[in-house]
């Protein structure tokens, strides 16, 4: 059984970033990302040390190591869900006072994506765009992310909707389909942005478009079972979560279609272990766990900051449960 992230040692790079999380969040928002302390702790302590590039669980600002983690996140199959965190980590400027861990050859800040690159699917209406930085001489062959589909490019324009969003067919947000056959041909984009009309707030609305049954069928047929080759489904869901931004109902549908009952139970158990208290420690409060990782449909509106953050946290916890259940 996997264990959740532990409280970082004071004075370590991870502790410094968490103590200055407003700066970290501001950097991420400049790229159009939403980030949480819980996800950052999980990636830093449990995921990046497994990449085999020398990343210590307490974190590091070494430009070579952070650049290698970024390469893997952008690679194939890559880790799209971790791109926001390593991107903001690289741009984060640590305080001038010395850190407790100083065993690396140098401590510095590595630049973000080069001027010729664009983080996939992150630009939002009204979001700040950070100025381009010089190419990294230590990282000349930066791989580009896979060509994700551009949201809305293959769909007719949808009229702006008020919160909560609805499907294009008029189904209220939060409802889920029950059929499962390979007949449908609608592209799967559970949440996609549509532009607002002049005079409105200028912020894009999230419009709910359900998964197509053909996509669900193809994903099930084209990937080995979780018990045989877990990394295949983990990589699939990392990409689906990043590009499709599924709702809570969509996540339940993915769990039902792609995993057995025993696998689902184990994944959910491991995910709930990763729920953190506000102080960053693993939570033992059942109420807190149910609030952050609910077992019944929550009232999360993806058109609000709080709803988007809650959905993102839920998806990241679910991915953490997947990885732990695979160990």
C-alpha atoms as a PDB file:
ATOM      1  CA  UNK A   1       0.000   0.000   0.000  1.00  0.00           C
ATOM      2  CA  UNK A   2       1.311   3.454  -0.863  1.00  0.00           C
ATOM      3  CA  UNK A   3       1.689   6.169   1.734  1.00  0.00           C
ATOM      4  CA  UNK A   4       0.659   9.791   1.405  1.00  0.00           C
ATOM      5  CA  UNK A   5       3.180  12.635   1.411  1.00  0.00           C
ATOM      6  CA  UNK A   6       4.726  13.549   4.757  1.00  0.00           C
ATOM      7  CA  UNK A   7       5.277  16.960   6.298  1.00  0.00           C
ATOM      8  CA  UNK A   8       8.472  18.454   4.795  1.00  0.00           C
ATOM      9  CA  UNK A   9      11.516  19.130   6.957  1.00  0.00           C
ATOM     10  CA  UNK A  10      11.802  22.867   7.749  1.00  0.00           C
ATOM     11  CA  UNK A  11      14.377  24.655   5.625  1.00  0.00           C
ATOM     12  CA  UNK A  12      14.251  22.217   2.694  1.00  0.00           C
ATOM     13  CA  UNK A  13      13.343  23.450  -0.814  1.00  0.00           C
ATOM     14  CA  UNK A  14       9.856  21.913  -0.608  1.00  0.00           C
ATOM     15  CA  UNK A  15       9.253  23.557   2.765  1.00  0.00           C
ATOM     16  CA  UNK A  16      10.408  26.908   1.384  1.00  0.00           C
ATOM     17  CA  UNK A  17       8.057  26.667  -1.604  1.00  0.00           C
ATOM     18  CA  UNK A  18       5.117  25.701   0.606  1.00  0.00           C
ATOM     19  CA  UNK A  19       5.851  28.601   2.957  1.00  0.00           C
ATOM     20  CA  UNK A  20       5.842  30.938  -0.054  1.00  0.00           C
ATOM     21  CA  UNK A  21       2.965  29.233  -1.832  1.00  0.00           C
ATOM     22  CA  UNK A  22       1.281  32.518  -2.778  1.00  0.00           C
ATOM     23  CA  UNK A  23       4.257  33.279  -5.010  1.00  0.00           C
ATOM     24  CA  UNK A  24       4.166  29.738  -6.435  1.00  0.00           C
ATOM     25  CA  UNK A  25       0.417  30.000  -7.129  1.00  0.00           C
ATOM     26  CA  UNK A  26       0.863  33.415  -8.739  1.00  0.00           C
ATOM     27  CA  UNK A  27       3.481  31.985 -11.118  1.00  0.00           C
ATOM     28  CA  UNK A  28       1.192  29.093 -12.034  1.00  0.00           C
ATOM     29  CA  UNK A  29      -1.762  31.421 -12.638  1.00  0.00           C
ATOM     30  CA  UNK A  30       0.413  33.418 -15.013  1.00  0.00           C
ATOM     31  CA  UNK A  31       0.451  30.322 -17.212  1.00  0.00           C
ATOM     32  CA  UNK A  32      -3.274  29.712 -16.664  1.00  0.00           C
ATOM     33  CA  UNK A  33      -2.781  26.880 -14.149  1.00  0.00           C
ATOM     34  CA  UNK A  34      -4.544  26.085 -10.878  1.00  0.00           C
ATOM     35  CA  UNK A  35      -2.257  24.410  -8.316  1.00  0.00           C
ATOM     36  CA  UNK A  36      -2.617  23.099  -4.757  1.00  0.00           C
ATOM     37  CA  UNK A  37      -0.227  22.420  -1.887  1.00  0.00           C
ATOM     38  CA  UNK A  38      -1.411  18.826  -1.656  1.00  0.00           C
ATOM     39  CA  UNK A  39      -0.544  18.014  -5.267  1.00  0.00           C
ATOM     40  CA  UNK A  40       2.819  19.761  -5.052  1.00  0.00           C
ATOM     41  CA  UNK A  41       3.780  17.743  -1.964  1.00  0.00           C
ATOM     42  CA  UNK A  42       2.727  14.492  -3.633  1.00  0.00           C
ATOM     43  CA  UNK A  43       4.673  15.138  -6.829  1.00  0.00           C
ATOM     44  CA  UNK A  44       7.798  16.394  -5.037  1.00  0.00           C
ATOM     45  CA  UNK A  45       7.961  13.617  -2.431  1.00  0.00           C
ATOM     46  CA  UNK A  46       6.539  10.611  -4.294  1.00  0.00           C
ATOM     47  CA  UNK A  47       6.547  11.099  -8.065  1.00  0.00           C
ATOM     48  CA  UNK A  48       9.630  13.049  -9.111  1.00  0.00           C
ATOM     49  CA  UNK A  49      12.056  10.921  -7.037  1.00  0.00           C
ATOM     50  CA  UNK A  50      10.953   7.908  -9.144  1.00  0.00           C
ATOM     51  CA  UNK A  51      12.008   9.556 -12.423  1.00  0.00           C
ATOM     52  CA  UNK A  52      15.620   8.467 -11.940  1.00  0.00           C
ATOM     53  CA  UNK A  53      17.122  11.933 -12.487  1.00  0.00           C
ATOM     54  CA  UNK A  54      18.367  12.583  -8.939  1.00  0.00           C
ATOM     55  CA  UNK A  55      15.364  14.449  -7.558  1.00  0.00           C
ATOM     56  CA  UNK A  56      15.392  14.194  -3.724  1.00  0.00           C
ATOM     57  CA  UNK A  57      12.080  13.914  -1.831  1.00  0.00           C
ATOM     58  CA  UNK A  58      12.803  17.205  -0.054  1.00  0.00           C
ATOM     59  CA  UNK A  59      13.061  18.988  -3.425  1.00  0.00           C
ATOM     60  CA  UNK A  60      15.866  20.846  -5.171  1.00  0.00           C
ATOM     61  CA  UNK A  61      16.440  24.047  -7.130  1.00  0.00           C
ATOM     62  CA  UNK A  62      19.310  22.528  -9.120  1.00  0.00           C
ATOM     63  CA  UNK A  63      18.786  23.644 -12.727  1.00  0.00           C
ATOM     64  CA  UNK A  64      19.980  20.378 -14.251  1.00  0.00           C
ATOM     65  CA  UNK A  65      17.699  18.159 -12.170  1.00  0.00           C
ATOM     66  CA  UNK A  66      14.632  20.390 -12.528  1.00  0.00           C
ATOM     67  CA  UNK A  67      15.199  20.529 -16.277  1.00  0.00           C
ATOM     68  CA  UNK A  68      15.308  16.728 -16.470  1.00  0.00           C
ATOM     69  CA  UNK A  69      12.045  16.429 -14.547  1.00  0.00           C
ATOM     70  CA  UNK A  70      10.468  18.900 -16.951  1.00  0.00           C
ATOM     71  CA  UNK A  71      11.656  16.848 -19.939  1.00  0.00           C
ATOM     72  CA  UNK A  72       9.978  13.744 -18.546  1.00  0.00           C
ATOM     73  CA  UNK A  73       6.756  15.636 -17.792  1.00  0.00           C
ATOM     74  CA  UNK A  74       6.633  16.889 -21.389  1.00  0.00           C
ATOM     75  CA  UNK A  75       7.761  13.561 -22.866  1.00  0.00           C
ATOM     76  CA  UNK A  76       5.890  10.585 -24.266  1.00  0.00           C
ATOM     77  CA  UNK A  77       3.687   9.373 -22.673  1.00  0.00           C
ATOM     78  CA  UNK A  78       4.659  12.147 -20.262  1.00  0.00           C
ATOM     79  CA  UNK A  79       2.881  13.425 -17.169  1.00  0.00           C
ATOM     80  CA  UNK A  80       0.614  16.298 -18.285  1.00  0.00           C
ATOM     81  CA  UNK A  81      -0.900  16.691 -14.831  1.00  0.00           C
ATOM     82  CA  UNK A  82       2.547  17.492 -13.403  1.00  0.00           C
ATOM     83  CA  UNK A  83       3.514  20.105 -16.010  1.00  0.00           C
ATOM     84  CA  UNK A  84       1.929  23.006 -14.062  1.00  0.00           C
ATOM     85  CA  UNK A  85       3.894  22.144 -10.934  1.00  0.00           C
ATOM     86  CA  UNK A  86       7.365  21.648 -12.404  1.00  0.00           C
ATOM     87  CA  UNK A  87       6.868  24.732 -14.601  1.00  0.00           C
ATOM     88  CA  UNK A  88       6.021  26.928 -11.617  1.00  0.00           C
ATOM     89  CA  UNK A  89       8.783  25.284  -9.530  1.00  0.00           C
ATOM     90  CA  UNK A  90      11.380  26.165 -12.149  1.00  0.00           C
ATOM     91  CA  UNK A  91      10.248  29.811 -12.238  1.00  0.00           C
ATOM     92  CA  UNK A  92      10.002  30.074  -8.440  1.00  0.00           C
ATOM     93  CA  UNK A  93      12.656  32.313  -6.884  1.00  0.00           C
ATOM     94  CA  UNK A  94      13.719  31.037  -3.447  1.00  0.00           C
ATOM     95  CA  UNK A  95      14.505  33.547  -0.693  1.00  0.00           C
ATOM     96  CA  UNK A  96      18.092  34.723  -0.411  1.00  0.00           C
ATOM     97  CA  UNK A  97      18.741  33.159   2.984  1.00  0.00           C
ATOM     98  CA  UNK A  98      20.543  29.772   2.824  1.00  0.00           C
ATOM     99  CA  UNK A  99      18.492  26.601   2.757  1.00  0.00           C
ATOM    100  CA  UNK A 100      18.964  23.741   5.189  1.00  0.00           C
ATOM    101  CA  UNK A 101      19.860  21.304   2.413  1.00  0.00           C
ATOM    102  CA  UNK A 102      22.890  22.543   0.469  1.00  0.00           C
ATOM    103  CA  UNK A 103      24.448  19.328  -0.821  1.00  0.00           C
ATOM    104  CA  UNK A 104      23.992  20.199  -4.494  1.00  0.00           C
ATOM    105  CA  UNK A 105      26.687  21.883  -6.541  1.00  0.00           C
ATOM    106  CA  UNK A 106      24.595  25.028  -6.993  1.00  0.00           C
ATOM    107  CA  UNK A 107      21.170  26.361  -6.185  1.00  0.00           C
ATOM    108  CA  UNK A 108      19.426  28.532  -8.724  1.00  0.00           C
ATOM    109  CA  UNK A 109      16.307  29.144 -10.702  1.00  0.00           C
ATOM    110  CA  UNK A 110      15.791  27.633 -14.098  1.00  0.00           C
ATOM    111  CA  UNK A 111      13.762  29.413 -16.747  1.00  0.00           C
ATOM    112  CA  UNK A 112      10.303  28.254 -17.762  1.00  0.00           C
ATOM    113  CA  UNK A 113       9.290  27.143 -21.264  1.00  0.00           C
ATOM    114  CA  UNK A 114      11.337  28.886 -23.949  1.00  0.00           C
ATOM    115  CA  UNK A 115       9.895  31.608 -26.146  1.00  0.00           C
ATOM    116  CA  UNK A 116       9.282  29.095 -28.935  1.00  0.00           C
ATOM    117  CA  UNK A 117       7.154  26.855 -26.730  1.00  0.00           C
ATOM    118  CA  UNK A 118       3.651  27.044 -25.390  1.00  0.00           C
ATOM    119  CA  UNK A 119       2.303  24.997 -22.524  1.00  0.00           C
ATOM    120  CA  UNK A 120      -0.559  22.972 -24.033  1.00  0.00           C
ATOM    121  CA  UNK A 121      -4.121  23.948 -23.313  1.00  0.00           C
ATOM    122  CA  UNK A 122      -3.279  26.571 -20.696  1.00  0.00           C
ATOM    123  CA  UNK A 123      -4.063  29.986 -22.187  1.00  0.00           C
ATOM    124  CA  UNK A 124      -7.300  31.429 -20.839  1.00  0.00           C
ATOM    125  CA  UNK A 125      -9.119  34.630 -21.586  1.00  0.00           C
ATOM    126  CA  UNK A 126      -7.804  37.322 -19.292  1.00  0.00           C
ATOM    127  CA  UNK A 127      -4.906  35.222 -17.965  1.00  0.00           C
ATOM    128  CA  UNK A 128      -1.512  36.871 -17.624  1.00  0.00           C
ATOM    129  CA  UNK A 129       1.232  35.667 -19.888  1.00  0.00           C
ATOM    130  CA  UNK A 130       4.728  35.671 -18.462  1.00  0.00           C
ATOM    131  CA  UNK A 131       7.455  37.211 -20.632  1.00  0.00           C
ATOM    132  CA  UNK A 132       9.540  34.757 -22.688  1.00  0.00           C
ATOM    133  CA  UNK A 133      12.848  33.685 -21.235  1.00  0.00           C
ATOM    134  CA  UNK A 134      16.147  32.777 -22.807  1.00  0.00           C
ATOM    135  CA  UNK A 135      16.715  29.166 -23.910  1.00  0.00           C
ATOM    136  CA  UNK A 136      18.317  26.937 -21.320  1.00  0.00           C
ATOM    137  CA  UNK A 137      21.888  26.071 -22.424  1.00  0.00           C
ATOM    138  CA  UNK A 138      21.753  22.941 -20.265  1.00  0.00           C
ATOM    139  CA  UNK A 139      18.579  21.791 -21.945  1.00  0.00           C
ATOM    140  CA  UNK A 140      18.974  22.423 -25.694  1.00  0.00           C
ATOM    141  CA  UNK A 141      16.775  19.598 -26.944  1.00  0.00           C
ATOM    142  CA  UNK A 142      13.636  20.307 -24.958  1.00  0.00           C
ATOM    143  CA  UNK A 143      10.901  17.918 -26.166  1.00  0.00           C
ATOM    144  CA  UNK A 144       7.571  19.369 -27.114  1.00  0.00           C
ATOM    145  CA  UNK A 145       4.366  18.017 -25.597  1.00  0.00           C
ATOM    146  CA  UNK A 146       2.134  15.758 -27.679  1.00  0.00           C
ATOM    147  CA  UNK A 147      -0.262  17.608 -29.994  1.00  0.00           C
ATOM    148  CA  UNK A 148      -3.343  17.813 -27.815  1.00  0.00           C
ATOM    149  CA  UNK A 149      -6.545  18.810 -29.608  1.00  0.00           C
ATOM    150  CA  UNK A 150      -7.371  22.501 -29.343  1.00  0.00           C
ATOM    151  CA  UNK A 151     -10.520  22.904 -27.337  1.00  0.00           C
ATOM    152  CA  UNK A 152     -13.350  24.245 -29.410  1.00  0.00           C
ATOM    153  CA  UNK A 153     -11.537  24.134 -32.762  1.00  0.00           C
ATOM    154  CA  UNK A 154     -13.570  21.227 -34.086  1.00  0.00           C
ATOM    155  CA  UNK A 155     -16.895  22.258 -32.600  1.00  0.00           C
ATOM    156  CA  UNK A 156     -19.376  24.946 -33.642  1.00  0.00           C
ATOM    157  CA  UNK A 157     -19.431  27.993 -31.414  1.00  0.00           C
ATOM    158  CA  UNK A 158     -21.689  27.558 -28.429  1.00  0.00           C
ATOM    159  CA  UNK A 159     -23.615  30.462 -26.899  1.00  0.00           C
ATOM    160  CA  UNK A 160     -22.387  31.732 -23.537  1.00  0.00           C
ATOM    161  CA  UNK A 161     -24.134  30.043 -20.647  1.00  0.00           C
ATOM    162  CA  UNK A 162     -24.691  31.142 -17.102  1.00  0.00           C
ATOM    163  CA  UNK A 163     -23.422  29.078 -14.197  1.00  0.00           C
ATOM    164  CA  UNK A 164     -23.896  26.173 -13.794  1.00  0.00           C
ATOM    165  CA  UNK A 165     -22.938  25.005 -17.300  1.00  0.00           C
ATOM    166  CA  UNK A 166     -25.024  22.710 -19.441  1.00  0.00           C
ATOM    167  CA  UNK A 167     -24.322  20.195 -22.150  1.00  0.00           C
ATOM    168  CA  UNK A 168     -24.803  21.152 -25.768  1.00  0.00           C
ATOM    169  CA  UNK A 169     -27.954  18.999 -25.794  1.00  0.00           C
ATOM    170  CA  UNK A 170     -29.455  20.823 -22.843  1.00  0.00           C
ATOM    171  CA  UNK A 171     -28.669  18.234 -20.179  1.00  0.00           C
ATOM    172  CA  UNK A 172     -28.047  19.975 -16.830  1.00  0.00           C
ATOM    173  CA  UNK A 173     -24.451  19.993 -15.634  1.00  0.00           C
ATOM    174  CA  UNK A 174     -23.749  17.015 -13.407  1.00  0.00           C
ATOM    175  CA  UNK A 175     -25.983  14.473 -15.132  1.00  0.00           C
ATOM    176  CA  UNK A 176     -24.329  11.379 -16.489  1.00  0.00           C
ATOM    177  CA  UNK A 177     -25.101   9.053 -19.347  1.00  0.00           C
ATOM    178  CA  UNK A 178     -25.886   5.408 -18.789  1.00  0.00           C
ATOM    179  CA  UNK A 179     -25.430   3.874 -22.227  1.00  0.00           C
ATOM    180  CA  UNK A 180     -22.250   2.173 -23.345  1.00  0.00           C
ATOM    181  CA  UNK A 181     -21.858   1.171 -26.992  1.00  0.00           C
ATOM    182  CA  UNK A 182     -19.393   2.060 -29.748  1.00  0.00           C
ATOM    183  CA  UNK A 183     -22.056   3.725 -31.896  1.00  0.00           C
ATOM    184  CA  UNK A 184     -21.673   7.347 -30.879  1.00  0.00           C
ATOM    185  CA  UNK A 185     -19.157   9.484 -32.771  1.00  0.00           C
ATOM    186  CA  UNK A 186     -19.229  12.741 -30.783  1.00  0.00           C
ATOM    187  CA  UNK A 187     -15.742  13.847 -29.687  1.00  0.00           C
ATOM    188  CA  UNK A 188     -15.264  13.620 -25.918  1.00  0.00           C
ATOM    189  CA  UNK A 189     -14.729  16.964 -24.255  1.00  0.00           C
ATOM    190  CA  UNK A 190     -16.574  16.936 -20.898  1.00  0.00           C
ATOM    191  CA  UNK A 191     -15.637  20.532 -20.076  1.00  0.00           C
ATOM    192  CA  UNK A 192     -14.680  23.002 -22.752  1.00  0.00           C
ATOM    193  CA  UNK A 193     -14.446  26.771 -22.828  1.00  0.00           C
ATOM    194  CA  UNK A 194     -16.571  29.017 -25.010  1.00  0.00           C
ATOM    195  CA  UNK A 195     -15.970  32.749 -25.505  1.00  0.00           C
ATOM    196  CA  UNK A 196     -18.230  35.301 -23.894  1.00  0.00           C
ATOM    197  CA  UNK A 197     -19.991  38.024 -25.832  1.00  0.00           C
ATOM    198  CA  UNK A 198     -18.808  41.668 -25.734  1.00  0.00           C
ATOM    199  CA  UNK A 199     -19.839  43.506 -22.605  1.00  0.00           C
ATOM    200  CA  UNK A 200     -19.731  40.474 -20.348  1.00  0.00           C
ATOM    201  CA  UNK A 201     -17.117  39.726 -17.730  1.00  0.00           C
ATOM    202  CA  UNK A 202     -14.619  38.489 -20.313  1.00  0.00           C
ATOM    203  CA  UNK A 203     -14.049  35.176 -18.522  1.00  0.00           C
ATOM    204  CA  UNK A 204     -14.760  32.015 -20.537  1.00  0.00           C
ATOM    205  CA  UNK A 205     -17.538  29.685 -19.448  1.00  0.00           C
ATOM    206  CA  UNK A 206     -17.023  25.955 -19.082  1.00  0.00           C
ATOM    207  CA  UNK A 207     -19.598  24.065 -21.144  1.00  0.00           C
ATOM    208  CA  UNK A 208     -20.272  20.448 -20.246  1.00  0.00           C
ATOM    209  CA  UNK A 209     -20.018  18.004 -23.152  1.00  0.00           C
ATOM    210  CA  UNK A 210     -20.321  14.350 -22.052  1.00  0.00           C
ATOM    211  CA  UNK A 211     -17.873  11.612 -22.968  1.00  0.00           C
ATOM    212  CA  UNK A 212     -18.898   9.792 -26.120  1.00  0.00           C
ATOM    213  CA  UNK A 213     -19.485   6.078 -25.745  1.00  0.00           C
ATOM    214  CA  UNK A 214     -17.171   5.425 -28.698  1.00  0.00           C
ATOM    215  CA  UNK A 215     -14.263   7.065 -26.851  1.00  0.00           C
ATOM    216  CA  UNK A 216     -14.966   5.044 -23.729  1.00  0.00           C
ATOM    217  CA  UNK A 217     -15.217   1.867 -25.779  1.00  0.00           C
ATOM    218  CA  UNK A 218     -11.963   2.572 -27.645  1.00  0.00           C
ATOM    219  CA  UNK A 219     -10.067   3.422 -24.463  1.00  0.00           C
ATOM    220  CA  UNK A 220     -11.188   0.161 -22.902  1.00  0.00           C
ATOM    221  CA  UNK A 221     -10.350  -1.938 -25.966  1.00  0.00           C
ATOM    222  CA  UNK A 222      -6.998  -0.321 -26.772  1.00  0.00           C
ATOM    223  CA  UNK A 223      -5.459  -0.549 -23.298  1.00  0.00           C
ATOM    224  CA  UNK A 224      -4.485  -3.616 -21.257  1.00  0.00           C
ATOM    225  CA  UNK A 225      -6.173  -4.190 -17.932  1.00  0.00           C
ATOM    226  CA  UNK A 226      -4.964  -2.313 -14.875  1.00  0.00           C
ATOM    227  CA  UNK A 227      -3.830  -5.535 -13.206  1.00  0.00           C
ATOM    228  CA  UNK A 228      -1.759  -6.545 -16.253  1.00  0.00           C
ATOM    229  CA  UNK A 229      -0.161  -3.211 -17.142  1.00  0.00           C
ATOM    230  CA  UNK A 230      -1.222  -0.402 -14.796  1.00  0.00           C
ATOM    231  CA  UNK A 231       1.009   2.282 -16.314  1.00  0.00           C
ATOM    232  CA  UNK A 232      -0.955   2.176 -19.560  1.00  0.00           C
ATOM    233  CA  UNK A 233      -4.201   3.289 -17.904  1.00  0.00           C
ATOM    234  CA  UNK A 234      -2.369   5.700 -15.599  1.00  0.00           C
ATOM    235  CA  UNK A 235      -0.852   7.461 -18.621  1.00  0.00           C
ATOM    236  CA  UNK A 236      -4.218   7.483 -20.378  1.00  0.00           C
ATOM    237  CA  UNK A 237      -5.996   9.123 -17.449  1.00  0.00           C
ATOM    238  CA  UNK A 238      -3.186  11.637 -16.913  1.00  0.00           C
ATOM    239  CA  UNK A 239      -3.752  12.817 -20.471  1.00  0.00           C
ATOM    240  CA  UNK A 240      -7.559  12.641 -20.311  1.00  0.00           C
ATOM    241  CA  UNK A 241      -7.633  14.616 -17.063  1.00  0.00           C
ATOM    242  CA  UNK A 242      -5.376  17.288 -18.544  1.00  0.00           C
ATOM    243  CA  UNK A 243      -7.086  17.671 -21.920  1.00  0.00           C
ATOM    244  CA  UNK A 244     -10.725  16.878 -21.077  1.00  0.00           C
ATOM    245  CA  UNK A 245     -11.040  18.232 -17.518  1.00  0.00           C
ATOM    246  CA  UNK A 246     -13.650  15.604 -16.549  1.00  0.00           C
ATOM    247  CA  UNK A 247     -16.288  16.312 -13.922  1.00  0.00           C
ATOM    248  CA  UNK A 248     -16.879  14.178 -10.828  1.00  0.00           C
ATOM    249  CA  UNK A 249     -19.532  12.175 -12.713  1.00  0.00           C
ATOM    250  CA  UNK A 250     -17.169  11.649 -15.643  1.00  0.00           C
ATOM    251  CA  UNK A 251     -14.499  10.308 -13.288  1.00  0.00           C
ATOM    252  CA  UNK A 252     -16.974   7.785 -11.895  1.00  0.00           C
ATOM    253  CA  UNK A 253     -17.837   6.717 -15.433  1.00  0.00           C
ATOM    254  CA  UNK A 254     -14.155   6.222 -16.257  1.00  0.00           C
ATOM    255  CA  UNK A 255     -13.684   4.163 -13.096  1.00  0.00           C
ATOM    256  CA  UNK A 256     -16.681   1.966 -13.912  1.00  0.00           C
ATOM    257  CA  UNK A 257     -15.681   1.377 -17.535  1.00  0.00           C
ATOM    258  CA  UNK A 258     -11.908   0.934 -17.225  1.00  0.00           C
ATOM    259  CA  UNK A 259     -11.498  -0.856 -13.875  1.00  0.00           C
ATOM    260  CA  UNK A 260     -12.908  -3.846 -12.019  1.00  0.00           C
ATOM    261  CA  UNK A 261     -14.793  -3.456  -8.746  1.00  0.00           C
ATOM    262  CA  UNK A 262     -11.748  -4.599  -6.748  1.00  0.00           C
ATOM    263  CA  UNK A 263      -9.472  -2.191  -8.621  1.00  0.00           C
ATOM    264  CA  UNK A 264     -11.876   0.710  -8.090  1.00  0.00           C
ATOM    265  CA  UNK A 265     -12.127   0.044  -4.362  1.00  0.00           C
ATOM    266  CA  UNK A 266      -8.348  -0.036  -3.988  1.00  0.00           C
ATOM    267  CA  UNK A 267      -7.864   3.130  -6.060  1.00  0.00           C
ATOM    268  CA  UNK A 268     -10.447   5.057  -4.035  1.00  0.00           C
ATOM    269  CA  UNK A 269      -8.984   3.821  -0.732  1.00  0.00           C
ATOM    270  CA  UNK A 270      -5.496   4.976  -1.720  1.00  0.00           C
ATOM    271  CA  UNK A 271      -6.805   8.301  -3.025  1.00  0.00           C
ATOM    272  CA  UNK A 272      -8.566   9.069   0.260  1.00  0.00           C
ATOM    273  CA  UNK A 273      -5.316   8.431   2.142  1.00  0.00           C
ATOM    274  CA  UNK A 274      -3.806  11.350   0.239  1.00  0.00           C
ATOM    275  CA  UNK A 275      -6.276  13.951   1.462  1.00  0.00           C
ATOM    276  CA  UNK A 276      -4.389  16.632   3.382  1.00  0.00           C
ATOM    277  CA  UNK A 277      -5.376  18.874   6.252  1.00  0.00           C
ATOM    278  CA  UNK A 278      -4.910  22.635   5.719  1.00  0.00           C
ATOM    279  CA  UNK A 279      -1.503  22.417   7.449  1.00  0.00           C
ATOM    280  CA  UNK A 280      -0.259  19.986   4.783  1.00  0.00           C
ATOM    281  CA  UNK A 281      -0.381  16.872   6.969  1.00  0.00           C
ATOM    282  CA  UNK A 282      -2.238  13.699   5.893  1.00  0.00           C
ATOM    283  CA  UNK A 283      -5.795  13.950   7.203  1.00  0.00           C
ATOM    284  CA  UNK A 284      -7.348  11.354   9.493  1.00  0.00           C
ATOM    285  CA  UNK A 285     -10.650  13.240   9.726  1.00  0.00           C
ATOM    286  CA  UNK A 286     -13.409  11.316   7.866  1.00  0.00           C
ATOM    287  CA  UNK A 287     -15.355  14.547   7.390  1.00  0.00           C
ATOM    288  CA  UNK A 288     -12.372  16.243   5.773  1.00  0.00           C
ATOM    289  CA  UNK A 289     -11.787  13.242   3.514  1.00  0.00           C
ATOM    290  CA  UNK A 290     -15.429  13.175   2.424  1.00  0.00           C
ATOM    291  CA  UNK A 291     -15.360  16.899   1.729  1.00  0.00           C
ATOM    292  CA  UNK A 292     -12.212  16.794  -0.425  1.00  0.00           C
ATOM    293  CA  UNK A 293     -12.739  13.357  -2.001  1.00  0.00           C
ATOM    294  CA  UNK A 294     -16.521  12.804  -1.886  1.00  0.00           C
ATOM    295  CA  UNK A 295     -18.182   9.466  -2.579  1.00  0.00           C
ATOM    296  CA  UNK A 296     -21.422  11.101  -3.728  1.00  0.00           C
ATOM    297  CA  UNK A 297     -21.853  13.843  -6.322  1.00  0.00           C
ATOM    298  CA  UNK A 298     -20.623  17.186  -4.952  1.00  0.00           C
ATOM    299  CA  UNK A 299     -22.018  20.605  -5.824  1.00  0.00           C
ATOM    300  CA  UNK A 300     -18.894  21.861  -7.617  1.00  0.00           C
ATOM    301  CA  UNK A 301     -19.391  24.546 -10.247  1.00  0.00           C
ATOM    302  CA  UNK A 302     -16.483  24.544 -12.746  1.00  0.00           C
ATOM    303  CA  UNK A 303     -17.324  28.165 -13.617  1.00  0.00           C
ATOM    304  CA  UNK A 304     -16.172  29.270 -10.160  1.00  0.00           C
ATOM    305  CA  UNK A 305     -12.608  29.366  -8.839  1.00  0.00           C
ATOM    306  CA  UNK A 306     -13.573  27.214  -5.874  1.00  0.00           C
ATOM    307  CA  UNK A 307     -15.280  24.626  -8.076  1.00  0.00           C
ATOM    308  CA  UNK A 308     -12.364  24.419 -10.515  1.00  0.00           C
ATOM    309  CA  UNK A 309      -9.888  24.002  -7.676  1.00  0.00           C
ATOM    310  CA  UNK A 310     -12.029  21.309  -6.024  1.00  0.00           C
ATOM    311  CA  UNK A 311     -12.331  19.367  -9.288  1.00  0.00           C
ATOM    312  CA  UNK A 312      -8.612  19.652  -9.983  1.00  0.00           C
ATOM    313  CA  UNK A 313      -7.769  18.467  -6.466  1.00  0.00           C
ATOM    314  CA  UNK A 314     -10.166  15.529  -6.821  1.00  0.00           C
ATOM    315  CA  UNK A 315      -8.620  14.467 -10.135  1.00  0.00           C
ATOM    316  CA  UNK A 316      -5.081  14.701  -8.752  1.00  0.00           C
ATOM    317  CA  UNK A 317      -6.024  12.643  -5.699  1.00  0.00           C
ATOM    318  CA  UNK A 318      -7.571  10.059  -7.997  1.00  0.00           C
ATOM    319  CA  UNK A 319      -4.349   9.886 -10.020  1.00  0.00           C
ATOM    320  CA  UNK A 320      -2.401   9.506  -6.782  1.00  0.00           C
ATOM    321  CA  UNK A 321      -4.673   6.619  -5.832  1.00  0.00           C
ATOM    322  CA  UNK A 322      -4.069   5.019  -9.220  1.00  0.00           C
ATOM    323  CA  UNK A 323      -0.301   5.200  -8.832  1.00  0.00           C
ATOM    324  CA  UNK A 324      -0.399   3.860  -5.275  1.00  0.00           C
ATOM    325  CA  UNK A 325      -2.739   1.001  -6.207  1.00  0.00           C
ATOM    326  CA  UNK A 326      -0.345   0.007  -8.985  1.00  0.00           C
ATOM    327  CA  UNK A 327       2.597  -0.434  -6.600  1.00  0.00           C
END
